[in-house]
PDB file of N, CA and C in Angstrom:
ATOM      1  N   MET A   1     102.105 137.599  57.189  1.00  0.00           N
ATOM      2  CA  MET A   1     100.166 137.955  58.464  1.00  0.00           C
ATOM      3  C   MET A   1      99.670 136.479  58.645  1.00  0.00           C
ATOM      4  N   PHE A   2      99.074 135.875  57.534  1.00  0.00           N
ATOM      5  CA  PHE A   2      98.161 135.077  57.903  1.00  0.00           C
ATOM      6  C   PHE A   2      99.078 133.629  58.135  1.00  0.00           C
ATOM      7  N   PHE A   3      99.809 133.632  57.313  1.00  0.00           N
ATOM      8  CA  PHE A   3     100.832 132.466  57.968  1.00  0.00           C
ATOM      9  C   PHE A   3     101.099 132.156  59.333  1.00  0.00           C
ATOM     10  N   ASN A   4     101.500 133.263  59.697  1.00  0.00           N
ATOM     11  CA  ASN A   4     102.255 133.557  61.276  1.00  0.00           C
ATOM     12  C   ASN A   4     101.128 132.878  62.091  1.00  0.00           C
ATOM     13  N   ALA A   5      99.836 133.586  61.521  1.00  0.00           N
ATOM     14  CA  ALA A   5      98.505 133.362  62.521  1.00  0.00           C
ATOM     15  C   ALA A   5      97.851 131.651  62.475  1.00  0.00           C
ATOM     16  N   VAL A   6      98.218 131.091  61.487  1.00  0.00           N
ATOM     17  CA  VAL A   6      98.001 129.856  60.893  1.00  0.00           C
ATOM     18  C   VAL A   6      98.771 128.876  62.206  1.00  0.00           C
ATOM     19  N   ILE A   7     100.771 129.381  61.858  1.00  0.00           N
ATOM     20  CA  ILE A   7     101.624 128.810  62.452  1.00  0.00           C
ATOM     21  C   ILE A   7     100.943 128.622  64.212  1.00  0.00           C
ATOM     22  N   PHE A   8     100.651 129.707  64.849  1.00  0.00           N
ATOM     23  CA  PHE A   8     100.179 130.065  65.942  1.00  0.00           C
ATOM     24  C   PHE A   8      99.257 129.186  66.328  1.00  0.00           C
ATOM     25  N   PHE A   9      98.273 128.868  65.591  1.00  0.00           N
ATOM     26  CA  PHE A   9      97.045 128.351  66.113  1.00  0.00           C
ATOM     27  C   PHE A   9      97.421 127.149  65.620  1.00  0.00           C
ATOM     28  N   PHE A  10      98.267 126.802  64.796  1.00  0.00           N
ATOM     29  CA  PHE A  10      98.098 124.999  64.993  1.00  0.00           C
ATOM     30  C   PHE A  10      99.082 124.910  66.311  1.00  0.00           C
ATOM     31  N   LEU A  11     100.276 125.856  66.798  1.00  0.00           N
ATOM     32  CA  LEU A  11     100.943 125.515  68.247  1.00  0.00           C
ATOM     33  C   LEU A  11      99.868 125.610  68.953  1.00  0.00           C
ATOM     34  N   PHE A  12      98.526 126.278  68.846  1.00  0.00           N
ATOM     35  CA  PHE A  12      98.097 126.781  70.557  1.00  0.00           C
ATOM     36  C   PHE A  12      97.214 124.853  70.122  1.00  0.00           C
ATOM     37  N   ALA A  13      96.743 124.621  69.290  1.00  0.00           N
ATOM     38  CA  ALA A  13      95.887 123.346  69.374  1.00  0.00           C
ATOM     39  C   ALA A  13      96.730 122.186  69.758  1.00  0.00           C
ATOM     40  N   VAL A  14      97.814 121.803  69.347  1.00  0.00           N
ATOM     41  CA  VAL A  14      98.557 120.921  69.930  1.00  0.00           C
ATOM     42  C   VAL A  14      99.088 121.030  70.747  1.00  0.00           C
ATOM     43  N   ILE A  15      99.966 122.335  71.307  1.00  0.00           N
ATOM     44  CA  ILE A  15     100.462 122.196  73.055  1.00  0.00           C
ATOM     45  C   ILE A  15      99.344 122.900  73.876  1.00  0.00           C
ATOM     46  N   GLY A  16      98.633 123.446  73.596  1.00  0.00           N
ATOM     47  CA  GLY A  16      97.473 124.420  74.271  1.00  0.00           C
ATOM     48  C   GLY A  16      96.530 123.838  74.724  1.00  0.00           C
ATOM     49  N   SER A  17      96.027 122.321  74.063  1.00  0.00           N
ATOM     50  CA  SER A  17      94.654 121.494  74.032  1.00  0.00           C
ATOM     51  C   SER A  17      95.033 120.644  75.365  1.00  0.00           C
ATOM     52  N   GLY A  18      96.232 120.412  75.610  1.00  0.00           N
ATOM     53  CA  GLY A  18      96.226 119.659  77.132  1.00  0.00           C
ATOM     54  C   GLY A  18      96.681 118.135  76.529  1.00  0.00           C
ATOM     55  N   ILE A  19      96.393 117.918  75.297  1.00  0.00           N
ATOM     56  CA  ILE A  19      96.690 116.610  74.755  1.00  0.00           C
ATOM     57  C   ILE A  19      97.870 116.485  74.481  1.00  0.00           C
ATOM     58  N   ALA A  20      98.522 115.509  74.888  1.00  0.00           N
ATOM     59  CA  ALA A  20      99.869 115.231  74.575  1.00  0.00           C
ATOM     60  C   ALA A  20      99.985 114.761  72.651  1.00  0.00           C
ATOM     61  N   ALA A  21     100.987 115.025  72.202  1.00  0.00           N
ATOM     62  CA  ALA A  21     101.284 114.823  70.702  1.00  0.00           C
ATOM     63  C   ALA A  21     101.387 113.465  71.018  1.00  0.00           C
ATOM     64  N   PRO A  22     100.660 112.839  69.920  1.00  0.00           N
ATOM     65  CA  PRO A  22     100.644 111.190  70.204  1.00  0.00           C
ATOM     66  C   PRO A  22     102.193 110.531  70.263  1.00  0.00           C
ATOM     67  N   ALA A  23     103.513 111.402  69.459  1.00  0.00           N
ATOM     68  CA  ALA A  23     104.905 111.188  69.759  1.00  0.00           C
ATOM     69  C   ALA A  23     105.156 111.425  71.439  1.00  0.00           C
ATOM     70  N   SER A  24     104.427 112.196  71.987  1.00  0.00           N
ATOM     71  CA  SER A  24     104.679 112.742  72.942  1.00  0.00           C
ATOM     72  C   SER A  24     105.132 111.157  74.236  1.00  0.00           C
ATOM     73  N   VAL A  25     105.784 111.233  75.356  1.00  0.00           N
ATOM     74  CA  VAL A  25     106.068 110.140  76.181  1.00  0.00           C
ATOM     75  C   VAL A  25     105.713 111.058  77.703  1.00  0.00           C
ATOM     76  N   ASN A  26     104.687 110.787  78.325  1.00  0.00           N
ATOM     77  CA  ASN A  26     104.167 111.204  79.333  1.00  0.00           C
ATOM     78  C   ASN A  26     104.767 110.091  80.626  1.00  0.00           C
ATOM     79  N   ASN A  27     105.275 110.397  81.323  1.00  0.00           N
ATOM     80  CA  ASN A  27     105.874 110.076  82.873  1.00  0.00           C
ATOM     81  C   ASN A  27     105.088 110.019  83.766  1.00  0.00           C
ATOM     82  N   GLY A  28     104.313 108.932  84.725  1.00  0.00           N
ATOM     83  CA  GLY A  28     104.272 109.340  85.640  1.00  0.00           C
ATOM     84  C   GLY A  28     103.803 108.158  86.570  1.00  0.00           C
ATOM     85  N   ASP A  29     103.082 108.020  87.521  1.00  0.00           N
ATOM     86  CA  ASP A  29     102.532 106.991  88.340  1.00  0.00           C
ATOM     87  C   ASP A  29     101.412 106.009  87.580  1.00  0.00           C
ATOM     88  N   ALA A  30     101.353 104.603  87.725  1.00  0.00           N
ATOM     89  CA  ALA A  30     100.104 103.947  87.958  1.00  0.00           C
ATOM     90  C   ALA A  30      99.406 103.179  88.979  1.00  0.00           C
ATOM     91  N   THR A  31      97.870 103.784  89.007  1.00  0.00           N
ATOM     92  CA  THR A  31      97.583 102.792  90.213  1.00  0.00           C
ATOM     93  C   THR A  31      96.343 102.045  89.202  1.00  0.00           C
ATOM     94  N   PHE A  32      95.723 101.426  90.306  1.00  0.00           N
ATOM     95  CA  PHE A  32      94.123 101.018  89.763  1.00  0.00           C
ATOM     96  C   PHE A  32      92.948 101.043  90.448  1.00  0.00           C
ATOM     97  N   TYR A  33      91.762 100.609  90.046  1.00  0.00           N
ATOM     98  CA  TYR A  33      90.371 101.339  90.624  1.00  0.00           C
ATOM     99  C   TYR A  33      89.578 100.579  90.103  1.00  0.00           C
ATOM    100  N   GLU A  34      88.367 100.432  91.220  1.00  0.00           N
ATOM    101  CA  GLU A  34      87.085  99.732  90.622  1.00  0.00           C
ATOM    102  C   GLU A  34      86.658 100.305  89.429  1.00  0.00           C
ATOM    103  N   THR A  35      85.903  99.847  88.541  1.00  0.00           N
ATOM    104  CA  THR A  35      85.640 100.400  87.400  1.00  0.00           C
ATOM    105  C   THR A  35      84.226 100.457  87.528  1.00  0.00           C
ATOM    106  N   GLY A  36      83.629 101.471  86.795  1.00  0.00           N
ATOM    107  CA  GLY A  36      81.969 101.313  86.860  1.00  0.00           C
ATOM    108  C   GLY A  36      81.636 101.859  85.372  1.00  0.00           C
ATOM    109  N   LEU A  37      80.526 103.445  86.103  1.00  0.00           N
ATOM    110  CA  LEU A  37      80.143 104.448  85.156  1.00  0.00           C
ATOM    111  C   LEU A  37      81.182 105.363  85.567  1.00  0.00           C
ATOM    112  N   GLY A  38      82.076 105.515  83.778  1.00  0.00           N
ATOM    113  CA  GLY A  38      83.195 106.598  83.711  1.00  0.00           C
ATOM    114  C   GLY A  38      82.576 107.985  83.787  1.00  0.00           C
ATOM    115  N   ALA A  39      83.812 109.232  83.634  1.00  0.00           N
ATOM    116  CA  ALA A  39      82.916 110.399  83.466  1.00  0.00           C
ATOM    117  C   ALA A  39      82.587 110.390  81.890  1.00  0.00           C
ATOM    118  N   CYS A  40      83.218 109.227  80.902  1.00  0.00           N
ATOM    119  CA  CYS A  40      82.661 109.748  79.611  1.00  0.00           C
ATOM    120  C   CYS A  40      81.803 108.999  79.621  1.00  0.00           C
ATOM    121  N   GLY A  41      80.907 108.523  80.163  1.00  0.00           N
ATOM    122  CA  GLY A  41      79.361 108.278  80.282  1.00  0.00           C
ATOM    123  C   GLY A  41      79.021 107.178  80.242  1.00  0.00           C
ATOM    124  N   LYS A  42      80.195 106.092  79.851  1.00  0.00           N
ATOM    125  CA  LYS A  42      79.810 104.421  79.435  1.00  0.00           C
ATOM    126  C   LYS A  42      80.277 103.624  81.218  1.00  0.00           C
ATOM    127  N   VAL A  43      79.372 102.277  80.963  1.00  0.00           N
ATOM    128  CA  VAL A  43      79.692 101.362  82.359  1.00  0.00           C
ATOM    129  C   VAL A  43      80.921 100.656  81.333  1.00  0.00           C
ATOM    130  N   ASN A  44      81.764 100.732  82.753  1.00  0.00           N
ATOM    131  CA  ASN A  44      83.026 100.011  82.008  1.00  0.00           C
ATOM    132  C   ASN A  44      82.988  98.637  83.538  1.00  0.00           C
ATOM    133  N   HIS A  45      83.587  97.395  82.936  1.00  0.00           N
ATOM    134  CA  HIS A  45      84.484  96.612  83.752  1.00  0.00           C
ATOM    135  C   HIS A  45      85.892  96.642  84.581  1.00  0.00           C
ATOM    136  N   ASN A  46      86.064  95.586  85.431  1.00  0.00           N
ATOM    137  CA  ASN A  46      86.965  95.310  85.704  1.00  0.00           C
ATOM    138  C   ASN A  46      88.405  94.505  84.752  1.00  0.00           C
ATOM    139  N   THR A  47      87.599  94.181  83.597  1.00  0.00           N
ATOM    140  CA  THR A  47      88.027  93.169  82.859  1.00  0.00           C
ATOM    141  C   THR A  47      88.537  93.754  81.373  1.00  0.00           C
ATOM    142  N   ASP A  48      87.780  94.934  81.523  1.00  0.00           N
ATOM    143  CA  ASP A  48      88.238  95.672  80.270  1.00  0.00           C
ATOM    144  C   ASP A  48      89.223  96.357  80.284  1.00  0.00           C
ATOM    145  N   HIS A  49      90.256  97.014  79.274  1.00  0.00           N
ATOM    146  CA  HIS A  49      91.494  97.402  79.403  1.00  0.00           C
ATOM    147  C   HIS A  49      91.272  98.934  79.423  1.00  0.00           C
ATOM    148  N   ILE A  50      91.250  99.622  80.217  1.00  0.00           N
ATOM    149  CA  ILE A  50      90.750 100.675  80.543  1.00  0.00           C
ATOM    150  C   ILE A  50      91.625 101.688  81.207  1.00  0.00           C
ATOM    151  N   ALA A  51      91.475 103.050  81.266  1.00  0.00           N
ATOM    152  CA  ALA A  51      92.485 103.894  82.428  1.00  0.00           C
ATOM    153  C   ALA A  51      91.351 105.333  82.469  1.00  0.00           C
ATOM    154  N   ALA A  52      91.710 106.406  83.683  1.00  0.00           N
ATOM    155  CA  ALA A  52      91.062 107.077  84.104  1.00  0.00           C
ATOM    156  C   ALA A  52      92.032 108.090  83.581  1.00  0.00           C
ATOM    157  N   VAL A  53      92.615 109.657  83.265  1.00  0.00           N
ATOM    158  CA  VAL A  53      93.498 110.284  82.947  1.00  0.00           C
ATOM    159  C   VAL A  53      92.977 111.149  83.829  1.00  0.00           C
ATOM    160  N   SER A  54      94.459 112.153  84.915  1.00  0.00           N
ATOM    161  CA  SER A  54      94.424 112.695  85.727  1.00  0.00           C
ATOM    162  C   SER A  54      93.287 113.615  85.170  1.00  0.00           C
ATOM    163  N   ARG A  55      92.859 114.436  86.162  1.00  0.00           N
ATOM    164  CA  ARG A  55      91.796 115.331  86.439  1.00  0.00           C
ATOM    165  C   ARG A  55      92.065 116.528  85.611  1.00  0.00           C
ATOM    166  N   GLN A  56      93.571 117.058  85.808  1.00  0.00           N
ATOM    167  CA  GLN A  56      94.023 117.852  85.260  1.00  0.00           C
ATOM    168  C   GLN A  56      94.156 117.208  83.463  1.00  0.00           C
ATOM    169  N   PHE A  57      94.653 116.567  83.388  1.00  0.00           N
ATOM    170  CA  PHE A  57      94.925 116.694  81.904  1.00  0.00           C
ATOM    171  C   PHE A  57      93.224 116.540  81.737  1.00  0.00           C
ATOM    172  N   PHE A  58      92.573 115.656  81.659  1.00  0.00           N
ATOM    173  CA  PHE A  58      90.578 115.817  81.623  1.00  0.00           C
ATOM    174  C   PHE A  58      90.377 117.406  81.351  1.00  0.00           C
ATOM    175  N   ASP A  59      90.492 117.786  82.667  1.00  0.00           N
ATOM    176  CA  ASP A  59      89.911 119.036  82.509  1.00  0.00           C
ATOM    177  C   ASP A  59      90.635 119.897  81.438  1.00  0.00           C
ATOM    178  N   SER A  60      91.663 119.927  81.097  1.00  0.00           N
ATOM    179  CA  SER A  60      92.351 120.731  80.196  1.00  0.00           C
ATOM    180  C   SER A  60      92.287 120.485  78.732  1.00  0.00           C
ATOM    181  N   VAL A  61      91.532 119.554  78.466  1.00  0.00           N
ATOM    182  CA  VAL A  61      91.028 119.001  77.020  1.00  0.00           C
ATOM    183  C   VAL A  61      89.326 119.711  76.878  1.00  0.00           C
ATOM    184  N   ASP A  62      89.897 120.444  75.888  1.00  0.00           N
ATOM    185  CA  ASP A  62      88.369 120.746  75.507  1.00  0.00           C
ATOM    186  C   ASP A  62      87.856 122.187  77.158  1.00  0.00           C
ATOM    187  N   GLY A  63      88.816 122.496  77.118  1.00  0.00           N
ATOM    188  CA  GLY A  63      88.793 123.354  78.265  1.00  0.00           C
ATOM    189  C   GLY A  63      87.612 123.259  79.066  1.00  0.00           C
ATOM    190  N   GLY A  64      87.891 121.779  80.018  1.00  0.00           N
ATOM    191  CA  GLY A  64      86.757 121.382  80.906  1.00  0.00           C
ATOM    192  C   GLY A  64      85.573 121.208  80.560  1.00  0.00           C
ATOM    193  N   SER A  65      85.227 120.937  79.470  1.00  0.00           N
ATOM    194  CA  SER A  65      83.603 120.905  78.692  1.00  0.00           C
ATOM    195  C   SER A  65      82.840 120.685  79.792  1.00  0.00           C
ATOM    196  N   ALA A  66      81.527 121.438  79.822  1.00  0.00           N
ATOM    197  CA  ALA A  66      80.276 121.088  81.028  1.00  0.00           C
ATOM    198  C   ALA A  66      80.148 120.010  80.333  1.00  0.00           C
ATOM    199  N   ASN A  67      80.110 119.052  79.838  1.00  0.00           N
ATOM    200  CA  ASN A  67      79.728 117.703  79.116  1.00  0.00           C
ATOM    201  C   ASN A  67      80.869 116.618  79.277  1.00  0.00           C
ATOM    202  N   PRO A  68      80.865 116.701  79.993  1.00  0.00           N
ATOM    203  CA  PRO A  68      82.276 115.663  79.970  1.00  0.00           C
ATOM    204  C   PRO A  68      82.334 114.106  79.493  1.00  0.00           C
ATOM    205  N   ASN A  69      81.014 113.761  79.084  1.00  0.00           N
ATOM    206  CA  ASN A  69      80.601 112.595  77.918  1.00  0.00           C
ATOM    207  C   ASN A  69      81.158 113.213  76.652  1.00  0.00           C
ATOM    208  N   LEU A  70      81.547 114.570  76.447  1.00  0.00           N
ATOM    209  CA  LEU A  70      81.886 114.925  75.266  1.00  0.00           C
ATOM    210  C   LEU A  70      83.746 115.345  75.115  1.00  0.00           C
ATOM    211  N   ASN A  71      83.928 114.503  75.998  1.00  0.00           N
ATOM    212  CA  ASN A  71      85.437 115.407  76.159  1.00  0.00           C
ATOM    213  C   ASN A  71      86.583 114.459  75.002  1.00  0.00           C
ATOM    214  N   HIS A  72      87.317 115.113  74.204  1.00  0.00           N
ATOM    215  CA  HIS A  72      88.093 114.402  73.015  1.00  0.00           C
ATOM    216  C   HIS A  72      88.841 113.545  73.483  1.00  0.00           C
ATOM    217  N   VAL A  73      89.067 113.513  74.421  1.00  0.00           N
ATOM    218  CA  VAL A  73      90.221 112.486  74.952  1.00  0.00           C
ATOM    219  C   VAL A  73      89.381 111.194  75.285  1.00  0.00           C
ATOM    220  N   CYS A  74      87.976 111.015  75.656  1.00  0.00           N
ATOM    221  CA  CYS A  74      87.127 110.208  75.607  1.00  0.00           C
ATOM    222  C   CYS A  74      87.626 109.173  74.632  1.00  0.00           C
ATOM    223  N   GLY A  75      87.514 107.870  74.657  1.00  0.00           N
ATOM    224  CA  GLY A  75      87.467 106.800  73.733  1.00  0.00           C
ATOM    225  C   GLY A  75      89.064 106.678  72.756  1.00  0.00           C
ATOM    226  N   LYS A  76      89.995 107.799  72.991  1.00  0.00           N
ATOM    227  CA  LYS A  76      91.498 107.973  72.665  1.00  0.00           C
ATOM    228  C   LYS A  76      92.079 106.511  73.028  1.00  0.00           C
ATOM    229  N   THR A  77      93.132 105.996  72.673  1.00  0.00           N
ATOM    230  CA  THR A  77      93.864 105.052  73.276  1.00  0.00           C
ATOM    231  C   THR A  77      95.096 105.338  73.703  1.00  0.00           C
ATOM    232  N   ALA A  78      95.883 104.770  74.382  1.00  0.00           N
ATOM    233  CA  ALA A  78      97.192 104.593  74.588  1.00  0.00           C
ATOM    234  C   ALA A  78      97.832 103.441  75.104  1.00  0.00           C
ATOM    235  N   THR A  79      99.353 103.705  75.130  1.00  0.00           N
ATOM    236  CA  THR A  79     100.020 102.187  75.517  1.00  0.00           C
ATOM    237  C   THR A  79     100.732 102.837  76.592  1.00  0.00           C
ATOM    238  N   ILE A  80     101.248 102.133  76.819  1.00  0.00           N
ATOM    239  CA  ILE A  80     101.540 102.459  78.766  1.00  0.00           C
ATOM    240  C   ILE A  80     102.839 100.962  78.745  1.00  0.00           C
ATOM    241  N   HIS A  81     104.164 101.472  79.216  1.00  0.00           N
ATOM    242  CA  HIS A  81     105.207 100.982  79.331  1.00  0.00           C
ATOM    243  C   HIS A  81     105.538 101.002  80.958  1.00  0.00           C
ATOM    244  N   ALA A  82     105.676  99.919  81.714  1.00  0.00           N
ATOM    245  CA  ALA A  82     105.754  99.901  82.611  1.00  0.00           C
ATOM    246  C   ALA A  82     107.306  98.627  83.074  1.00  0.00           C
ATOM    247  N   GLY A  83     108.626  99.356  82.836  1.00  0.00           N
ATOM    248  CA  GLY A  83     109.638  98.195  82.806  1.00  0.00           C
ATOM    249  C   GLY A  83     109.981  97.260  81.222  1.00  0.00           C
ATOM    250  N   ASP A  84     109.667  96.024  81.468  1.00  0.00           N
ATOM    251  CA  ASP A  84     109.202  95.438  79.836  1.00  0.00           C
ATOM    252  C   ASP A  84     108.479  95.039  79.226  1.00  0.00           C
ATOM    253  N   LYS A  85     107.508  95.876  80.283  1.00  0.00           N
ATOM    254  CA  LYS A  85     105.922  95.028  79.819  1.00  0.00           C
ATOM    255  C   LYS A  85     105.160  96.215  79.135  1.00  0.00           C
ATOM    256  N   SER A  86     104.065  95.866  78.308  1.00  0.00           N
ATOM    257  CA  SER A  86     103.234  97.069  77.985  1.00  0.00           C
ATOM    258  C   SER A  86     101.976  96.746  78.053  1.00  0.00           C
ATOM    259  N   THR A  87     101.164  97.511  77.556  1.00  0.00           N
ATOM    260  CA  THR A  87      99.116  97.274  77.256  1.00  0.00           C
ATOM    261  C   THR A  87      99.065  98.497  76.968  1.00  0.00           C
ATOM    262  N   THR A  88      97.867  97.918  76.306  1.00  0.00           N
ATOM    263  CA  THR A  88      96.944  99.244  75.280  1.00  0.00           C
ATOM    264  C   THR A  88      95.283  99.230  76.372  1.00  0.00           C
ATOM    265  N   VAL A  89      95.488 100.740  76.475  1.00  0.00           N
ATOM    266  CA  VAL A  89      94.221 101.060  76.927  1.00  0.00           C
ATOM    267  C   VAL A  89      93.227 101.736  76.552  1.00  0.00           C
ATOM    268  N   THR A  90      92.120 101.889  76.494  1.00  0.00           N
ATOM    269  CA  THR A  90      91.197 103.581  76.171  1.00  0.00           C
ATOM    270  C   THR A  90      90.753 104.261  77.367  1.00  0.00           C
ATOM    271  N   ILE A  91      90.744 105.278  77.281  1.00  0.00           N
ATOM    272  CA  ILE A  91      90.552 106.285  77.978  1.00  0.00           C
ATOM    273  C   ILE A  91      89.290 106.493  78.359  1.00  0.00           C
ATOM    274  N   VAL A  92      88.654 106.362  79.447  1.00  0.00           N
ATOM    275  CA  VAL A  92      87.222 106.294  79.815  1.00  0.00           C
ATOM    276  C   VAL A  92      86.913 107.189  81.003  1.00  0.00           C
ATOM    277  N   ASP A  93      87.815 107.647  81.515  1.00  0.00           N
ATOM    278  CA  ASP A  93      87.132 108.525  82.885  1.00  0.00           C
ATOM    279  C   ASP A  93      88.246 109.269  83.273  1.00  0.00           C
ATOM    280  N   ARG A  94      87.896 109.827  84.206  1.00  0.00           N
ATOM    281  CA  ARG A  94      88.458 111.032  84.944  1.00  0.00           C
ATOM    282  C   ARG A  94      89.212 111.164  86.394  1.00  0.00           C
ATOM    283  N   CYS A  95      90.753 110.583  86.623  1.00  0.00           N
ATOM    284  CA  CYS A  95      90.983 110.775  87.748  1.00  0.00           C
ATOM    285  C   CYS A  95      91.149 111.745  88.797  1.00  0.00           C
ATOM    286  N   ALA A  96      90.261 111.571  89.840  1.00  0.00           N
ATOM    287  CA  ALA A  96      90.344 113.051  90.723  1.00  0.00           C
ATOM    288  C   ALA A  96      91.423 112.496  91.570  1.00  0.00           C
ATOM    289  N   GLY A  97      91.561 111.219  91.727  1.00  0.00           N
ATOM    290  CA  GLY A  97      92.565 110.679  92.315  1.00  0.00           C
ATOM    291  C   GLY A  97      94.164 110.953  92.799  1.00  0.00           C
ATOM    292  N   CYS A  98      94.531 110.764  91.151  1.00  0.00           N
ATOM    293  CA  CYS A  98      95.816 111.077  90.387  1.00  0.00           C
ATOM    294  C   CYS A  98      96.306 112.505  90.955  1.00  0.00           C
ATOM    295  N   LEU A  99      97.990 112.237  91.405  1.00  0.00           N
ATOM    296  CA  LEU A  99      98.285 113.360  91.995  1.00  0.00           C
ATOM    297  C   LEU A  99      98.651 113.995  90.885  1.00  0.00           C
ATOM    298  N   GLY A 100      99.726 113.577  89.914  1.00  0.00           N
ATOM    299  CA  GLY A 100     100.090 114.227  89.131  1.00  0.00           C
ATOM    300  C   GLY A 100      99.640 114.192  87.830  1.00  0.00           C
ATOM    301  N   PRO A 101     100.077 115.520  86.707  1.00  0.00           N
ATOM    302  CA  PRO A 101      98.866 115.722  85.906  1.00  0.00           C
ATOM    303  C   PRO A 101      98.966 114.470  84.467  1.00  0.00           C
ATOM    304  N   THR A 102     100.800 113.643  85.155  1.00  0.00           N
ATOM    305  CA  THR A 102     100.559 112.910  83.817  1.00  0.00           C
ATOM    306  C   THR A 102     100.209 111.259  84.377  1.00  0.00           C
ATOM    307  N   ASP A 103      99.689 111.170  85.789  1.00  0.00           N
ATOM    308  CA  ASP A 103      99.171 109.845  86.342  1.00  0.00           C
ATOM    309  C   ASP A 103      98.105 109.301  85.471  1.00  0.00           C
ATOM    310  N   LEU A 104      98.191 107.827  85.681  1.00  0.00           N
ATOM    311  CA  LEU A 104      96.879 107.064  85.063  1.00  0.00           C
ATOM    312  C   LEU A 104      96.501 106.156  86.224  1.00  0.00           C
ATOM    313  N   ASP A 105      95.127 106.173  86.152  1.00  0.00           N
ATOM    314  CA  ASP A 105      94.584 104.816  87.025  1.00  0.00           C
ATOM    315  C   ASP A 105      93.820 103.652  86.280  1.00  0.00           C
ATOM    316  N   LEU A 106      94.094 102.661  86.280  1.00  0.00           N
ATOM    317  CA  LEU A 106      94.035 101.664  85.267  1.00  0.00           C
ATOM    318  C   LEU A 106      93.041 100.325  86.000  1.00  0.00           C
ATOM    319  N   SER A 107      92.034  99.809  85.257  1.00  0.00           N
ATOM    320  CA  SER A 107      91.249  99.020  85.404  1.00  0.00           C
ATOM    321  C   SER A 107      92.282  97.743  86.096  1.00  0.00           C
ATOM    322  N   PRO A 108      91.983  96.591  86.709  1.00  0.00           N
ATOM    323  CA  PRO A 108      92.261  95.783  87.082  1.00  0.00           C
ATOM    324  C   PRO A 108      93.536  95.079  86.163  1.00  0.00           C
ATOM    325  N   ALA A 109      92.291  94.880  85.119  1.00  0.00           N
ATOM    326  CA  ALA A 109      92.725  94.216  83.767  1.00  0.00           C
ATOM    327  C   ALA A 109      94.317  94.801  83.772  1.00  0.00           C
ATOM    328  N   ALA A 110      94.099  95.946  82.944  1.00  0.00           N
ATOM    329  CA  ALA A 110      95.173  96.781  82.758  1.00  0.00           C
ATOM    330  C   ALA A 110      96.433  96.532  83.167  1.00  0.00           C
ATOM    331  N   PHE A 111      96.266  97.112  84.619  1.00  0.00           N
ATOM    332  CA  PHE A 111      97.396  97.256  85.797  1.00  0.00           C
ATOM    333  C   PHE A 111      97.888  95.786  85.754  1.00  0.00           C
ATOM    334  N   LYS A 112      97.242  94.555  85.869  1.00  0.00           N
ATOM    335  CA  LYS A 112      97.767  93.342  86.045  1.00  0.00           C
ATOM    336  C   LYS A 112      98.702  92.684  84.322  1.00  0.00           C
ATOM    337  N   ASP A 113      98.601  93.838  83.479  1.00  0.00           N
ATOM    338  CA  ASP A 113      99.307  92.970  82.321  1.00  0.00           C
ATOM    339  C   ASP A 113     100.220  94.168  82.794  1.00  0.00           C
ATOM    340  N   LEU A 114     100.945  94.905  83.683  1.00  0.00           N
ATOM    341  CA  LEU A 114     102.488  95.543  84.125  1.00  0.00           C
ATOM    342  C   LEU A 114     102.395  94.824  85.130  1.00  0.00           C
ATOM    343  N   ALA A 115     101.923  94.665  86.299  1.00  0.00           N
ATOM    344  CA  ALA A 115     102.475  94.110  87.788  1.00  0.00           C
ATOM    345  C   ALA A 115     101.149  93.701  88.142  1.00  0.00           C
ATOM    346  N   PRO A 116     101.482  92.436  89.539  1.00  0.00           N
ATOM    347  CA  PRO A 116     100.680  92.235  90.230  1.00  0.00           C
ATOM    348  C   PRO A 116     100.002  93.291  90.887  1.00  0.00           C
ATOM    349  N   LEU A 117      98.711  92.782  91.519  1.00  0.00           N
ATOM    350  CA  LEU A 117      97.859  94.432  91.812  1.00  0.00           C
ATOM    351  C   LEU A 117      98.413  94.393  93.000  1.00  0.00           C
ATOM    352  N   SER A 118      99.327  93.458  94.355  1.00  0.00           N
ATOM    353  CA  SER A 118      99.729  93.673  95.118  1.00  0.00           C
ATOM    354  C   SER A 118     100.532  94.937  94.917  1.00  0.00           C
ATOM    355  N   VAL A 119     101.751  95.327  93.959  1.00  0.00           N
ATOM    356  CA  VAL A 119     102.486  96.182  93.930  1.00  0.00           C
ATOM    357  C   VAL A 119     101.551  97.854  94.010  1.00  0.00           C
ATOM    358  N   GLY A 120     100.067  98.083  93.682  1.00  0.00           N
ATOM    359  CA  GLY A 120      99.785  99.293  93.954  1.00  0.00           C
ATOM    360  C   GLY A 120      99.573 100.574  93.390  1.00  0.00           C
ATOM    361  N   ARG A 121     101.011 100.290  93.594  1.00  0.00           N
ATOM    362  CA  ARG A 121     101.483 101.972  92.579  1.00  0.00           C
ATOM    363  C   ARG A 121     102.709 101.782  91.539  1.00  0.00           C
ATOM    364  N   MET A 122     102.806 102.467  90.562  1.00  0.00           N
ATOM    365  CA  MET A 122     104.063 101.861  89.982  1.00  0.00           C
ATOM    366  C   MET A 122     104.796 103.301  89.002  1.00  0.00           C
ATOM    367  N   LYS A 123     105.608 103.434  88.524  1.00  0.00           N
ATOM    368  CA  LYS A 123     106.200 104.053  87.829  1.00  0.00           C
ATOM    369  C   LYS A 123     106.152 103.632  86.355  1.00  0.00           C
ATOM    370  N   MET A 124     105.961 104.344  85.240  1.00  0.00           N
ATOM    371  CA  MET A 124     105.275 104.021  84.412  1.00  0.00           C
ATOM    372  C   MET A 124     105.474 105.023  83.265  1.00  0.00           C
ATOM    373  N   THR A 125     105.310 104.805  82.068  1.00  0.00           N
ATOM    374  CA  THR A 125     105.832 106.170  80.331  1.00  0.00           C
ATOM    375  C   THR A 125     104.194 105.224  79.661  1.00  0.00           C
ATOM    376  N   TRP A 126     103.835 106.790  79.080  1.00  0.00           N
ATOM    377  CA  TRP A 126     102.511 106.475  78.737  1.00  0.00           C
ATOM    378  C   TRP A 126     102.512 107.176  77.189  1.00  0.00           C
ATOM    379  N   THR A 127     101.950 106.932  75.966  1.00  0.00           N
ATOM    380  CA  THR A 127     101.761 107.559  74.911  1.00  0.00           C
ATOM    381  C   THR A 127     100.286 108.242  74.350  1.00  0.00           C
ATOM    382  N   LEU A 128     100.012 108.217  74.275  1.00  0.00           N
ATOM    383  CA  LEU A 128      98.353 108.697  73.484  1.00  0.00           C
ATOM    384  C   LEU A 128      98.333 108.567  71.831  1.00  0.00           C
ATOM    385  N   ASN A 129      97.826 107.412  71.749  1.00  0.00           N
ATOM    386  CA  ASN A 129      97.901 106.948  70.156  1.00  0.00           C
ATOM    387  C   ASN A 129      96.984 107.635  69.286  1.00  0.00           C
TER     388      ASN A 129
END
């Protein structure tokens, strides 16, 4: 009985937390935004390699903590792939405008690693490191 409870707790912690397991590949759209003060409580710049995760993803971590600065996705890194290009970003913000739960909004510098800004929106895959 104890063993079953431990397994259940582990599965809930990994699956129910809303954070993709490091080996999980997420598919979504990438866009870019003008950076500034992010939901994680830090000021960022367009030249930083950062990303905002969708509101659905951000809010599912820690049950949508009353203090977003303490959200456990803040400060995690993610590797993004689009075509034959890739970049690594730090999660620093919550994307209210992202449509899908696995969409990302990137800083202009991170987006330019994958495509010209003129593209505006692109398909990509990403993993939380």
